[in-house]
Amino acid sequence: MKRPLKFTWKHCCGIVLGLVVVIGGIASFFIHSETMRSIRVAREQGQAVAAGFAQAAEEYFGTQVEEGIIRVDARQSFNQAVEVILLGTTRYVQVVLGNAVIVDSEDAEWTSSIPLYLSGETDGEGMEMIRSVEGHLIFDVIVPIGQRHPEAPIDAVSYARVGYEVPGLASHIQSIRLAGGSIAIAAFVVGLACAALILAWMDYSGTIVSPFNGVIQSFSQARTSGPLVLDEHLKKVTLRGTAVYVPPKPFQLLALLIQENGRVLREDEIVAILWPEADLADSRDVRQCVYLLRKRLDDAIAGAGACISNVKGFGYRYDAACLEEIPKEREFAALADM
């Protein structure tokens, strides 16, 4: 019969570390994916606003740019429309057509941290997330306007630039991180509890010997006497970690002797307890039980059966010290024969 697997605190630490890695990875993936989803939605909104400004500017000023004359009244009316829009989530707007700055309007809150003038050629969309001193998040979106006119200078630039703030984006991202952390902690606690329960059950069933063995034995009606453990709930005897099969009556005899804690029991006392309703039971039945019990213990570890001591003229008692004195070599020899 094989000895149960010894499960140490190192194994427990390995389980804890594994839970931390797995749950931490899942939580990080959740936080990252949800954060990127929120940012993607905000980016799409910012791009839509910038594209709208680019289209409006192109339609409003396109003919004037081609003619090389941008009317002052048209620019003023467009600026007034922009000022109204700036009352919402759009923090600043800059429109440049053929290097001519049509609109350069901004929210004073962002003046110190956002350079509005862009020089150089813009051949695509650019975007940069900006954090203000107040902790808000905006998207700096640049959208090119139309195609360069053939008669325009080679370095002519036409674009619409918008600073778009998503209300509550910063707090929403923070909420995602807090939710991910809370879920990770809860999952870790639940996983740890489940792992502990599994270990406890495996220990209880005799598959392993865990660091919780002492506590489990106290709840499972297990009696420990030196290297011998007797579990009355599971009807199991373990000797130095080796499970020993003991038949019912010898098992009851062993439990009785251990319970008496070394007191000598007469044969008639044992008969009265083990066979309370059997009129024909006598000392011979007691001796047969003692023989079977000693044999089972000796089969596990040579000499272990001597713990059932016969006090001549008086009866039997359990001698725990006898098991402590058995050399380790006998234990190994017994295991080799199995």
Protein backbone atom coordinates (compact mmCIF):
# COMPACT_ATOMS: atom_id res chain seq x y z
CA MET A 1 0.00 0.00 0.00
CA LYS A 2 1.46 3.34 -1.04
CA ARG A 3 2.21 6.13 1.37
CA PRO A 4 0.05 9.28 0.82
CA LEU A 5 1.77 12.14 -1.00
CA LYS A 6 3.37 14.59 1.39
CA PHE A 7 2.10 18.09 0.65
CA THR A 8 4.26 20.84 2.20
CA TRP A 9 3.96 24.60 2.61
CA LYS A 10 6.14 25.00 -0.51
CA HIS A 11 3.39 23.35 -2.53
CA CYS A 12 0.83 25.69 -0.94
CA CYS A 13 2.97 28.70 -1.83
CA GLY A 14 3.16 27.38 -5.39
CA ILE A 15 -0.64 27.21 -5.56
CA VAL A 16 -0.92 30.78 -4.22
CA LEU A 17 1.66 32.02 -6.72
CA GLY A 18 -0.14 30.23 -9.55
CA LEU A 19 -3.44 31.83 -8.54
CA VAL A 20 -1.80 35.27 -8.43
CA VAL A 21 -0.30 34.82 -11.91
CA VAL A 22 -3.48 33.46 -13.52
CA ILE A 23 -5.94 35.86 -11.88
CA GLY A 24 -3.56 38.80 -12.28
CA GLY A 25 -3.22 38.01 -15.99
CA ILE A 26 -6.98 37.78 -16.44
CA ALA A 27 -7.54 41.03 -14.51
CA SER A 28 -4.86 42.83 -16.51
CA PHE A 29 -6.42 41.63 -19.77
CA PHE A 30 -9.86 42.81 -18.60
CA ILE A 31 -8.58 46.24 -17.54
CA HIS A 32 -6.57 46.68 -20.75
CA SER A 33 -9.37 45.56 -23.09
CA GLU A 34 -12.03 47.69 -21.37
CA THR A 35 -9.74 50.73 -21.24
CA MET A 36 -8.86 50.39 -24.91
CA ARG A 37 -12.52 49.97 -25.80
CA SER A 38 -13.42 53.20 -23.99
CA ILE A 39 -10.51 55.03 -25.62
CA ARG A 40 -11.48 53.66 -29.03
CA VAL A 41 -15.03 54.99 -28.64
CA ALA A 42 -13.68 58.39 -27.59
CA ARG A 43 -11.23 58.40 -30.49
CA GLU A 44 -14.01 57.65 -32.96
CA GLN A 45 -16.07 60.49 -31.52
CA GLY A 46 -13.11 62.88 -31.78
CA GLN A 47 -12.42 61.82 -35.36
CA ALA A 48 -16.06 62.33 -36.28
CA VAL A 49 -16.01 65.88 -34.85
CA ALA A 50 -12.74 66.75 -36.61
CA ALA A 51 -13.97 65.28 -39.90
CA GLY A 52 -17.14 67.35 -39.57
CA PHE A 53 -15.09 70.53 -39.11
CA ALA A 54 -12.89 69.62 -42.08
CA GLN A 55 -15.88 69.03 -44.33
CA ALA A 56 -17.63 72.19 -43.18
CA ALA A 57 -14.50 74.30 -43.69
CA GLU A 58 -13.88 72.84 -47.12
CA GLU A 59 -17.45 73.48 -48.23
CA TYR A 60 -17.56 76.95 -46.68
CA PHE A 61 -14.17 78.24 -47.80
CA GLY A 62 -13.22 75.95 -50.68
CA THR A 63 -14.16 78.34 -53.49
CA GLN A 64 -12.63 81.32 -51.70
CA VAL A 65 -9.32 79.48 -51.22
CA GLU A 66 -9.19 78.61 -54.93
CA GLU A 67 -9.81 82.26 -55.77
CA GLY A 68 -7.12 83.28 -53.29
CA ILE A 69 -9.48 85.60 -51.40
CA ILE A 70 -11.08 84.64 -48.06
CA ARG A 71 -13.81 87.08 -47.11
CA VAL A 72 -13.66 88.59 -43.65
CA ASP A 73 -17.39 88.23 -43.04
CA ALA A 74 -17.25 84.51 -43.90
CA ARG A 75 -14.39 83.98 -41.48
CA GLN A 76 -16.23 85.88 -38.71
CA SER A 77 -19.43 83.90 -39.14
CA PHE A 78 -17.50 80.61 -39.10
CA ASN A 79 -15.66 81.71 -35.94
CA GLN A 80 -18.96 82.52 -34.27
CA ALA A 81 -20.22 79.03 -35.05
CA VAL A 82 -17.04 77.57 -33.59
CA GLU A 83 -17.43 79.63 -30.39
CA VAL A 84 -20.84 78.05 -29.86
CA ILE A 85 -19.41 74.59 -30.35
CA LEU A 86 -16.64 75.30 -27.84
CA LEU A 87 -19.29 75.56 -25.13
CA GLY A 88 -19.58 71.75 -25.32
CA THR A 89 -16.92 69.06 -25.28
CA THR A 90 -14.77 70.57 -28.04
CA ARG A 91 -11.99 72.50 -26.28
CA TYR A 92 -10.25 74.08 -29.22
CA VAL A 93 -10.51 74.27 -33.00
CA GLN A 94 -7.94 75.24 -35.57
CA VAL A 95 -8.66 75.36 -39.30
CA VAL A 96 -5.89 76.06 -41.81
CA LEU A 97 -6.54 76.30 -45.55
CA GLY A 98 -3.56 76.71 -47.86
CA ASN A 99 -1.44 77.93 -44.93
CA ALA A 100 -4.11 80.55 -44.14
CA VAL A 101 -5.32 80.29 -40.56
CA ILE A 102 -9.11 80.50 -40.85
CA VAL A 103 -9.96 79.58 -37.26
CA ASP A 104 -7.71 79.55 -34.22
CA SER A 105 -10.12 79.36 -31.31
CA GLU A 106 -9.41 77.74 -27.98
CA ASP A 107 -10.73 77.26 -24.49
CA ALA A 108 -8.67 79.35 -22.08
CA GLU A 109 -8.44 76.35 -19.74
CA TRP A 110 -6.11 74.58 -22.20
CA THR A 111 -4.00 77.54 -23.33
CA SER A 112 -0.95 76.80 -21.20
CA SER A 113 -0.65 73.14 -22.14
CA ILE A 114 -1.68 72.86 -25.80
CA PRO A 115 0.21 74.40 -28.74
CA LEU A 116 -2.41 75.12 -31.38
CA TYR A 117 -0.39 76.10 -34.42
CA LEU A 118 0.81 73.22 -36.60
CA SER A 119 3.47 73.71 -39.26
CA GLY A 120 4.60 71.24 -41.92
CA GLU A 121 2.79 68.94 -44.28
CA THR A 122 -0.15 66.89 -42.97
CA ASP A 123 -0.74 63.83 -45.11
CA GLY A 124 -2.84 61.81 -42.71
CA GLU A 125 -4.65 61.81 -39.41
CA GLY A 126 -2.67 62.38 -36.25
CA MET A 127 -3.89 61.94 -32.72
CA GLU A 128 -2.40 62.44 -29.28
CA MET A 129 -3.95 61.94 -25.89
CA ILE A 130 -3.36 64.95 -23.67
CA ARG A 131 -3.80 65.15 -19.90
CA SER A 132 -4.46 68.57 -18.47
CA VAL A 133 -3.41 69.79 -15.06
CA GLU A 134 -6.98 69.16 -13.86
CA GLY A 135 -6.75 65.49 -14.84
CA HIS A 136 -9.09 65.66 -17.84
CA LEU A 137 -8.39 63.66 -20.97
CA ILE A 138 -8.83 65.04 -24.47
CA PHE A 139 -7.99 63.82 -27.97
CA ASP A 140 -5.94 66.04 -30.23
CA VAL A 141 -7.25 65.12 -33.70
CA ILE A 142 -5.87 66.38 -36.99
CA VAL A 143 -7.77 65.73 -40.24
CA PRO A 144 -6.46 66.89 -43.64
CA ILE A 145 -8.81 68.98 -45.79
CA GLY A 146 -9.29 68.04 -49.43
CA GLN A 147 -6.51 67.95 -52.03
CA ARG A 148 -3.88 70.61 -52.51
CA HIS A 149 -4.95 73.04 -55.26
CA PRO A 150 -2.63 72.92 -58.33
CA GLU A 151 -2.00 76.67 -58.13
CA ALA A 152 -1.34 76.60 -54.36
CA PRO A 153 2.24 76.69 -53.03
CA ILE A 154 3.95 73.31 -52.78
CA ASP A 155 4.23 73.60 -49.00
CA ALA A 156 0.61 74.65 -48.58
CA VAL A 157 -1.12 72.94 -45.67
CA SER A 158 -4.88 72.47 -45.18
CA TYR A 159 -6.23 70.72 -42.13
CA ALA A 160 -8.75 70.84 -39.29
CA ARG A 161 -7.50 70.28 -35.76
CA VAL A 162 -9.84 69.61 -32.85
CA GLY A 163 -9.28 69.08 -29.15
CA TYR A 164 -12.13 66.79 -28.13
CA GLU A 165 -12.79 65.98 -24.48
CA VAL A 166 -14.85 62.94 -23.61
CA PRO A 167 -16.83 63.78 -20.47
CA GLY A 168 -15.93 61.45 -17.63
CA LEU A 169 -13.38 59.44 -19.65
CA ALA A 170 -10.65 59.77 -17.00
CA SER A 171 -13.01 58.77 -14.17
CA HIS A 172 -14.43 55.94 -16.29
CA ILE A 173 -10.95 54.51 -16.90
CA GLN A 174 -10.23 54.79 -13.18
CA SER A 175 -13.50 52.95 -12.44
CA ILE A 176 -12.47 50.16 -14.83
CA ARG A 177 -9.17 49.76 -12.98
CA LEU A 178 -10.87 49.71 -9.59
CA ALA A 179 -13.45 47.19 -10.82
CA GLY A 180 -10.74 44.99 -12.32
CA GLY A 181 -8.74 45.11 -9.10
CA SER A 182 -11.80 44.30 -6.97
CA ILE A 183 -12.78 41.40 -9.20
CA ALA A 184 -9.20 40.09 -9.11
CA ILE A 185 -9.10 40.23 -5.30
CA ALA A 186 -12.49 38.51 -5.00
CA ALA A 187 -11.48 35.83 -7.51
CA PHE A 188 -8.20 35.27 -5.64
CA VAL A 189 -10.00 34.85 -2.31
CA VAL A 190 -12.54 32.45 -3.83
CA GLY A 191 -9.81 30.52 -5.66
CA LEU A 192 -7.73 30.29 -2.49
CA ALA A 193 -10.74 29.03 -0.52
CA CYS A 194 -11.52 26.42 -3.20
CA ALA A 195 -7.89 25.28 -3.27
CA ALA A 196 -7.88 24.96 0.54
CA LEU A 197 -11.11 22.95 0.46
CA ILE A 198 -9.73 20.63 -2.23
CA LEU A 199 -6.54 20.08 -0.23
CA ALA A 200 -8.56 19.47 2.92
CA TRP A 201 -10.76 16.91 1.15
CA MET A 202 -7.77 15.11 -0.36
CA ASP A 203 -6.13 15.02 3.06
CA TYR A 204 -9.38 13.87 4.64
CA SER A 205 -9.73 11.06 2.10
CA GLY A 206 -6.11 9.97 2.60
CA THR A 207 -4.81 10.91 -0.86
CA ILE A 208 -2.30 13.41 0.55
CA VAL A 209 -0.96 14.62 3.88
CA SER A 210 -1.30 18.40 3.83
CA PRO A 211 -0.07 21.09 6.27
CA PHE A 212 -3.67 21.23 7.53
CA ASN A 213 -3.55 17.61 8.61
CA GLY A 214 -3.74 18.36 12.34
CA VAL A 215 -6.79 20.59 11.97
CA ILE A 216 -8.49 18.13 9.65
CA GLN A 217 -7.94 15.30 12.08
CA SER A 218 -9.57 17.28 14.88
CA PHE A 219 -12.73 17.73 12.75
CA SER A 220 -12.75 14.21 11.35
CA GLN A 221 -12.78 12.46 14.75
CA ALA A 222 -9.23 11.28 14.14
CA ARG A 223 -7.24 10.15 17.18
CA THR A 224 -3.50 10.54 17.07
CA SER A 225 -1.28 8.50 19.31
CA GLY A 226 2.35 8.94 18.39
CA PRO A 227 2.91 7.88 14.78
CA LEU A 228 -0.48 6.14 14.60
CA VAL A 229 -3.63 7.97 13.48
CA LEU A 230 -7.08 6.40 13.80
CA ASP A 231 -9.98 8.12 12.02
CA GLU A 232 -13.29 6.79 13.31
CA HIS A 233 -15.26 8.76 10.72
CA LEU A 234 -13.41 7.28 7.74
CA LYS A 235 -12.69 3.99 9.52
CA LYS A 236 -9.05 4.40 8.56
CA VAL A 237 -5.78 3.68 10.35
CA THR A 238 -2.56 5.39 9.29
CA LEU A 239 0.83 4.39 10.66
CA ARG A 240 3.70 6.80 9.93
CA GLY A 241 1.86 8.00 6.85
CA THR A 242 1.09 4.46 5.61
CA ALA A 243 -2.57 3.45 5.41
CA VAL A 244 -3.28 0.17 7.24
CA TYR A 245 -6.39 -1.87 6.54
CA VAL A 246 -7.92 -3.11 9.81
CA PRO A 247 -11.14 -5.21 9.87
CA PRO A 248 -14.16 -3.86 11.80
CA LYS A 249 -13.80 -5.65 15.15
CA PRO A 250 -10.01 -5.20 15.40
CA PHE A 251 -10.60 -1.55 14.43
CA GLN A 252 -13.07 -1.14 17.30
CA LEU A 253 -10.59 -2.82 19.67
CA LEU A 254 -7.80 -0.45 18.62
CA ALA A 255 -10.09 2.58 19.02
CA LEU A 256 -11.10 1.35 22.49
CA LEU A 257 -7.52 0.80 23.65
CA ILE A 258 -6.37 4.20 22.32
CA GLN A 259 -9.32 5.88 24.01
CA GLU A 260 -8.34 4.35 27.36
CA ASN A 261 -4.92 6.01 26.98
CA GLY A 262 -2.78 3.18 28.23
CA ARG A 263 -5.18 1.74 30.83
CA VAL A 264 -5.28 -2.06 30.98
CA LEU A 265 -8.61 -3.53 29.94
CA ARG A 266 -9.66 -6.97 31.09
CA GLU A 267 -10.91 -9.43 28.51
CA ASP A 268 -14.41 -9.44 30.00
CA GLU A 269 -14.52 -5.61 29.74
CA ILE A 270 -13.56 -5.81 26.08
CA VAL A 271 -16.21 -8.49 25.44
CA ALA A 272 -18.89 -6.37 27.11
CA ILE A 273 -18.01 -3.32 24.96
CA LEU A 274 -17.36 -4.97 21.58
CA TRP A 275 -20.06 -7.69 21.80
CA PRO A 276 -22.72 -6.18 24.05
CA GLU A 277 -25.53 -8.38 22.66
CA ALA A 278 -23.57 -11.56 21.85
CA ASP A 279 -24.09 -14.10 24.62
CA LEU A 280 -21.60 -16.55 23.13
CA ALA A 281 -18.67 -14.08 22.80
CA ASP A 282 -15.78 -14.77 25.17
CA SER A 283 -12.04 -14.25 25.65
CA ARG A 284 -11.22 -16.30 22.56
CA ASP A 285 -12.88 -13.66 20.39
CA VAL A 286 -10.79 -11.00 22.10
CA ARG A 287 -7.58 -12.93 21.44
CA GLN A 288 -8.57 -13.43 17.80
CA CYS A 289 -9.11 -9.65 17.44
CA VAL A 290 -5.75 -8.95 19.09
CA TYR A 291 -4.04 -11.41 16.75
CA LEU A 292 -5.57 -9.85 13.59
CA LEU A 293 -4.82 -6.33 14.79
CA ARG A 294 -1.18 -7.11 15.55
CA LYS A 295 -0.79 -8.86 12.20
CA ARG A 296 -2.13 -5.87 10.28
CA LEU A 297 0.18 -3.48 12.09
CA ASP A 298 3.18 -5.79 11.62
CA ASP A 299 2.44 -6.01 7.92
CA ALA A 300 2.75 -2.22 7.71
CA ILE A 301 5.86 -1.88 9.89
CA ALA A 302 7.69 -4.86 11.37
CA GLY A 303 7.26 -4.88 15.15
CA ALA A 304 4.38 -2.37 15.20
CA GLY A 305 1.97 -5.04 16.47
CA ALA A 306 3.78 -4.99 19.82
CA CYS A 307 1.96 -1.73 20.62
CA ILE A 308 -1.00 -3.94 21.60
CA SER A 309 0.57 -5.03 24.84
CA ASN A 310 -0.53 -8.10 26.82
CA VAL A 311 -0.29 -7.56 30.56
CA LYS A 312 -0.34 -11.13 31.77
CA GLY A 313 -3.08 -11.92 34.26
CA PHE A 314 -4.79 -8.55 33.71
CA GLY A 315 -5.60 -7.84 30.05
CA TYR A 316 -4.50 -5.60 27.19
CA ARG A 317 -3.45 -2.01 26.76
CA TYR A 318 -2.17 0.29 23.98
CA ASP A 319 1.55 1.20 24.23
CA ALA A 320 2.26 4.30 22.06
CA ALA A 321 5.91 4.41 23.15
CA CYS A 322 6.48 1.05 21.45
CA LEU A 323 5.81 2.61 18.06
CA GLU A 324 8.17 5.50 18.73
CA GLU A 325 11.00 3.05 19.40
CA ILE A 326 10.68 1.18 16.07
CA PRO A 327 13.73 1.95 13.88
CA LYS A 328 13.15 3.70 10.55
CA GLU A 329 14.88 0.82 8.77
CA ARG A 330 11.99 -1.49 9.58
CA GLU A 331 9.54 0.97 8.10
CA PHE A 332 11.48 1.18 4.84
CA ALA A 333 11.81 -2.59 4.67
CA ALA A 334 8.07 -3.01 5.11
CA LEU A 335 7.35 -0.51 2.32
CA ALA A 336 9.78 -2.33 0.00
CA ASP A 337 7.88 -5.58 0.48
CA MET A 338 4.55 -4.01 -0.60
